[in-house]
Amino acid sequence: MTPIAITFLVIAAVLIWGGLATSVLFLVAKPSVAVYPDGGEDADPDDA
């Protein structure tokens, strides 16, 4: 492989795995939404 191909391989791997690691760390820190907005499954469609 040429040096430019290796460089792009490393950049792509860092972007993919770094994004995955960032997502996992974010979900560990804030696993769920504390307060949901009004509406959803329990909302009455006639009220809208």
C-alpha atoms as a PDB file:
ATOM      1  CA  MET A   1       0.000   0.000   0.000  1.00  0.00           C
ATOM      2  CA  THR A   2       1.135   3.501  -0.688  1.00  0.00           C
ATOM      3  CA  PRO A   3       1.689   5.975   2.155  1.00  0.00           C
ATOM      4  CA  ILE A   4      -1.322   8.040   1.047  1.00  0.00           C
ATOM      5  CA  ALA A   5      -3.557   4.947   1.153  1.00  0.00           C
ATOM      6  CA  ILE A   6      -2.345   4.091   4.644  1.00  0.00           C
ATOM      7  CA  THR A   7      -2.966   7.677   5.746  1.00  0.00           C
ATOM      8  CA  PHE A   8      -6.539   7.618   4.460  1.00  0.00           C
ATOM      9  CA  LEU A   9      -7.088   4.199   6.051  1.00  0.00           C
ATOM     10  CA  VAL A  10      -5.969   5.532   9.427  1.00  0.00           C
ATOM     11  CA  ILE A  11      -8.107   8.679   9.068  1.00  0.00           C
ATOM     12  CA  ALA A  12     -11.180   6.625   8.146  1.00  0.00           C
ATOM     13  CA  ALA A  13     -10.627   4.191  11.015  1.00  0.00           C
ATOM     14  CA  VAL A  14     -10.228   7.035  13.522  1.00  0.00           C
ATOM     15  CA  LEU A  15     -13.417   8.693  12.278  1.00  0.00           C
ATOM     16  CA  ILE A  16     -15.490   5.502  12.427  1.00  0.00           C
ATOM     17  CA  TRP A  17     -14.170   4.104  15.710  1.00  0.00           C
ATOM     18  CA  GLY A  18     -13.932   7.538  17.301  1.00  0.00           C
ATOM     19  CA  GLY A  19     -17.560   8.226  16.483  1.00  0.00           C
ATOM     20  CA  LEU A  20     -18.574   4.874  17.919  1.00  0.00           C
ATOM     21  CA  ALA A  21     -16.582   5.487  21.111  1.00  0.00           C
ATOM     22  CA  THR A  22     -18.046   8.988  21.456  1.00  0.00           C
ATOM     23  CA  SER A  23     -21.575   7.638  21.030  1.00  0.00           C
ATOM     24  CA  VAL A  24     -21.037   4.917  23.627  1.00  0.00           C
ATOM     25  CA  LEU A  25     -19.569   7.372  26.138  1.00  0.00           C
ATOM     26  CA  PHE A  26     -22.466   9.785  25.578  1.00  0.00           C
ATOM     27  CA  LEU A  27     -25.034   7.022  26.110  1.00  0.00           C
ATOM     28  CA  VAL A  28     -23.260   5.878  29.279  1.00  0.00           C
ATOM     29  CA  ALA A  29     -23.348   9.437  30.627  1.00  0.00           C
ATOM     30  CA  LYS A  30     -26.995  10.127  29.659  1.00  0.00           C
ATOM     31  CA  PRO A  31     -28.769   6.796  29.093  1.00  0.00           C
ATOM     32  CA  SER A  32     -32.282   8.192  28.676  1.00  0.00           C
ATOM     33  CA  VAL A  33     -34.273  11.368  28.368  1.00  0.00           C
ATOM     34  CA  ALA A  34     -35.308  12.753  31.757  1.00  0.00           C
ATOM     35  CA  VAL A  35     -38.431  14.596  30.557  1.00  0.00           C
ATOM     36  CA  TYR A  36     -40.368  13.791  27.416  1.00  0.00           C
ATOM     37  CA  PRO A  37     -42.374  16.398  25.492  1.00  0.00           C
ATOM     38  CA  ASP A  38     -46.173  16.337  25.500  1.00  0.00           C
ATOM     39  CA  GLY A  39     -47.840  13.925  23.105  1.00  0.00           C
ATOM     40  CA  GLY A  40     -46.965  10.413  22.068  1.00  0.00           C
ATOM     41  CA  GLU A  41     -48.805   7.154  22.542  1.00  0.00           C
ATOM     42  CA  ASP A  42     -51.108   8.345  25.317  1.00  0.00           C
ATOM     43  CA  ALA A  43     -52.174  11.522  23.519  1.00  0.00           C
ATOM     44  CA  ASP A  44     -55.792  11.763  22.438  1.00  0.00           C
ATOM     45  CA  PRO A  45     -55.958  12.486  18.671  1.00  0.00           C
ATOM     46  CA  ASP A  46     -59.276  14.332  19.133  1.00  0.00           C
ATOM     47  CA  ASP A  47     -57.564  17.009  21.290  1.00  0.00           C
ATOM     48  CA  ALA A  48     -55.375  18.224  18.421  1.00  0.00           C
END
